[in-house]
Amino acid sequence: MTAIQEAQRLRASLRSLRAHDALVDAELLLKALAREDLAEAAAALHRIDAQLPQGALAGFVRVRIRSLAGMVAAMQDDGPPPAA
């Protein structure tokens, strides 16, 4: 599963929670991933997590956020491809 697909699933989960403020950051997350701006993607995930309410449903969404944050971190660790 790609990070963009996982971000789309996160956006759908936020819609079901009616977390409107977090949806704005979910859109920014998708744009950052498309541009491969991993620092902005990580920041957007942090903001989304901070905006979620408490409760069991939000807990499930936080699991998705942690998974996606791990994907972004792994992509950051890989770094840019070596120059030819």
C-alpha atoms as a PDB file:
ATOM      1  CA  MET A   1       0.000   0.000   0.000  1.00  0.00           C
ATOM      2  CA  THR A   2       1.363   3.380  -0.897  1.00  0.00           C
ATOM      3  CA  ALA A   3       1.449   6.336   1.442  1.00  0.00           C
ATOM      4  CA  ILE A   4      -0.976   8.250  -0.788  1.00  0.00           C
ATOM      5  CA  GLN A   5      -3.519   5.419  -0.644  1.00  0.00           C
ATOM      6  CA  GLU A   6      -3.188   5.276   3.127  1.00  0.00           C
ATOM      7  CA  ALA A   7      -3.611   9.067   3.324  1.00  0.00           C
ATOM      8  CA  GLN A   8      -6.805   8.772   1.276  1.00  0.00           C
ATOM      9  CA  ARG A   9      -8.106   6.202   3.748  1.00  0.00           C
ATOM     10  CA  LEU A  10      -7.183   8.525   6.603  1.00  0.00           C
ATOM     11  CA  ARG A  11      -9.129  11.331   4.931  1.00  0.00           C
ATOM     12  CA  ALA A  12     -12.170   9.052   4.635  1.00  0.00           C
ATOM     13  CA  SER A  13     -11.895   8.143   8.319  1.00  0.00           C
ATOM     14  CA  LEU A  14     -11.728  11.822   9.267  1.00  0.00           C
ATOM     15  CA  ARG A  15     -14.843  12.486   7.197  1.00  0.00           C
ATOM     16  CA  SER A  16     -16.711   9.784   9.081  1.00  0.00           C
ATOM     17  CA  LEU A  17     -15.639  11.366  12.376  1.00  0.00           C
ATOM     18  CA  ARG A  18     -16.745  14.764  11.060  1.00  0.00           C
ATOM     19  CA  ALA A  19     -13.330  16.127  12.028  1.00  0.00           C
ATOM     20  CA  HIS A  20     -13.601  19.109   9.687  1.00  0.00           C
ATOM     21  CA  ASP A  21     -10.483  20.942  10.894  1.00  0.00           C
ATOM     22  CA  ALA A  22      -8.404  17.802  10.498  1.00  0.00           C
ATOM     23  CA  LEU A  23      -9.768  17.326   6.967  1.00  0.00           C
ATOM     24  CA  VAL A  24      -8.023  20.536   5.897  1.00  0.00           C
ATOM     25  CA  ASP A  25      -4.724  19.064   7.069  1.00  0.00           C
ATOM     26  CA  ALA A  26      -5.558  15.745   5.400  1.00  0.00           C
ATOM     27  CA  GLU A  27      -5.798  17.576   2.068  1.00  0.00           C
ATOM     28  CA  LEU A  28      -2.446  19.253   2.793  1.00  0.00           C
ATOM     29  CA  LEU A  29      -1.027  15.827   3.639  1.00  0.00           C
ATOM     30  CA  LEU A  30      -2.116  14.416   0.284  1.00  0.00           C
ATOM     31  CA  LYS A  31      -0.585  17.368  -1.568  1.00  0.00           C
ATOM     32  CA  ALA A  32       2.665  17.046   0.399  1.00  0.00           C
ATOM     33  CA  LEU A  33       2.904  13.332  -0.395  1.00  0.00           C
ATOM     34  CA  ALA A  34       2.252  14.006  -4.075  1.00  0.00           C
ATOM     35  CA  ARG A  35       5.131  16.531  -4.052  1.00  0.00           C
ATOM     36  CA  GLU A  36       7.232  14.143  -1.964  1.00  0.00           C
ATOM     37  CA  ASP A  37       7.572  16.882   0.667  1.00  0.00           C
ATOM     38  CA  LEU A  38       8.034  14.443   3.524  1.00  0.00           C
ATOM     39  CA  ALA A  39       8.728  17.069   6.185  1.00  0.00           C
ATOM     40  CA  GLU A  40       5.398  18.757   5.444  1.00  0.00           C
ATOM     41  CA  ALA A  41       3.650  15.381   5.364  1.00  0.00           C
ATOM     42  CA  ALA A  42       5.001  14.549   8.819  1.00  0.00           C
ATOM     43  CA  ALA A  43       3.938  17.968  10.121  1.00  0.00           C
ATOM     44  CA  ALA A  44       0.432  17.509   8.688  1.00  0.00           C
ATOM     45  CA  LEU A  45       0.118  14.122  10.401  1.00  0.00           C
ATOM     46  CA  HIS A  46       1.129  15.706  13.693  1.00  0.00           C
ATOM     47  CA  ARG A  47      -1.491  18.445  13.293  1.00  0.00           C
ATOM     48  CA  ILE A  48      -4.196  15.910  12.392  1.00  0.00           C
ATOM     49  CA  ASP A  49      -3.400  13.843  15.482  1.00  0.00           C
ATOM     50  CA  ALA A  50      -3.559  16.933  17.689  1.00  0.00           C
ATOM     51  CA  GLN A  51      -7.006  17.868  16.350  1.00  0.00           C
ATOM     52  CA  LEU A  52      -8.692  14.519  16.951  1.00  0.00           C
ATOM     53  CA  PRO A  53     -11.177  14.207  19.784  1.00  0.00           C
ATOM     54  CA  GLN A  54     -10.851  11.606  22.507  1.00  0.00           C
ATOM     55  CA  GLY A  55     -12.714   8.331  22.240  1.00  0.00           C
ATOM     56  CA  ALA A  56     -12.568   4.870  20.784  1.00  0.00           C
ATOM     57  CA  LEU A  57     -13.317   5.849  17.181  1.00  0.00           C
ATOM     58  CA  ALA A  58     -10.611   8.492  17.204  1.00  0.00           C
ATOM     59  CA  GLY A  59      -8.297   5.855  18.662  1.00  0.00           C
ATOM     60  CA  PHE A  60      -8.757   3.730  15.563  1.00  0.00           C
ATOM     61  CA  VAL A  61      -7.930   6.745  13.405  1.00  0.00           C
ATOM     62  CA  ARG A  62      -4.803   7.345  15.487  1.00  0.00           C
ATOM     63  CA  VAL A  63      -3.655   3.819  14.621  1.00  0.00           C
ATOM     64  CA  ARG A  64      -3.947   4.758  10.948  1.00  0.00           C
ATOM     65  CA  ILE A  65      -2.011   7.982  11.628  1.00  0.00           C
ATOM     66  CA  ARG A  66       0.793   6.042  13.362  1.00  0.00           C
ATOM     67  CA  SER A  67       0.988   3.606  10.456  1.00  0.00           C
ATOM     68  CA  LEU A  68       1.200   6.435   7.949  1.00  0.00           C
ATOM     69  CA  ALA A  69       3.760   8.286  10.086  1.00  0.00           C
ATOM     70  CA  GLY A  70       5.885   5.127  10.000  1.00  0.00           C
ATOM     71  CA  MET A  71       5.641   5.028   6.214  1.00  0.00           C
ATOM     72  CA  VAL A  72       6.677   8.682   5.954  1.00  0.00           C
ATOM     73  CA  ALA A  73       9.578   8.145   8.357  1.00  0.00           C
ATOM     74  CA  ALA A  74      10.771   5.155   6.330  1.00  0.00           C
ATOM     75  CA  MET A  75      10.601   7.241   3.162  1.00  0.00           C
ATOM     76  CA  GLN A  76      12.619   9.992   4.873  1.00  0.00           C
ATOM     77  CA  ASP A  77      15.237   7.433   5.961  1.00  0.00           C
ATOM     78  CA  ASP A  78      15.606   6.203   2.391  1.00  0.00           C
ATOM     79  CA  GLY A  79      16.525   9.735   1.305  1.00  0.00           C
ATOM     80  CA  PRO A  80      16.851  10.901  -2.266  1.00  0.00           C
ATOM     81  CA  PRO A  81      18.236   8.526  -4.874  1.00  0.00           C
ATOM     82  CA  PRO A  82      21.991   8.792  -5.454  1.00  0.00           C
ATOM     83  CA  ALA A  83      23.129  11.171  -8.168  1.00  0.00           C
ATOM     84  CA  ALA A  84      24.279   9.570 -11.398  1.00  0.00           C
END
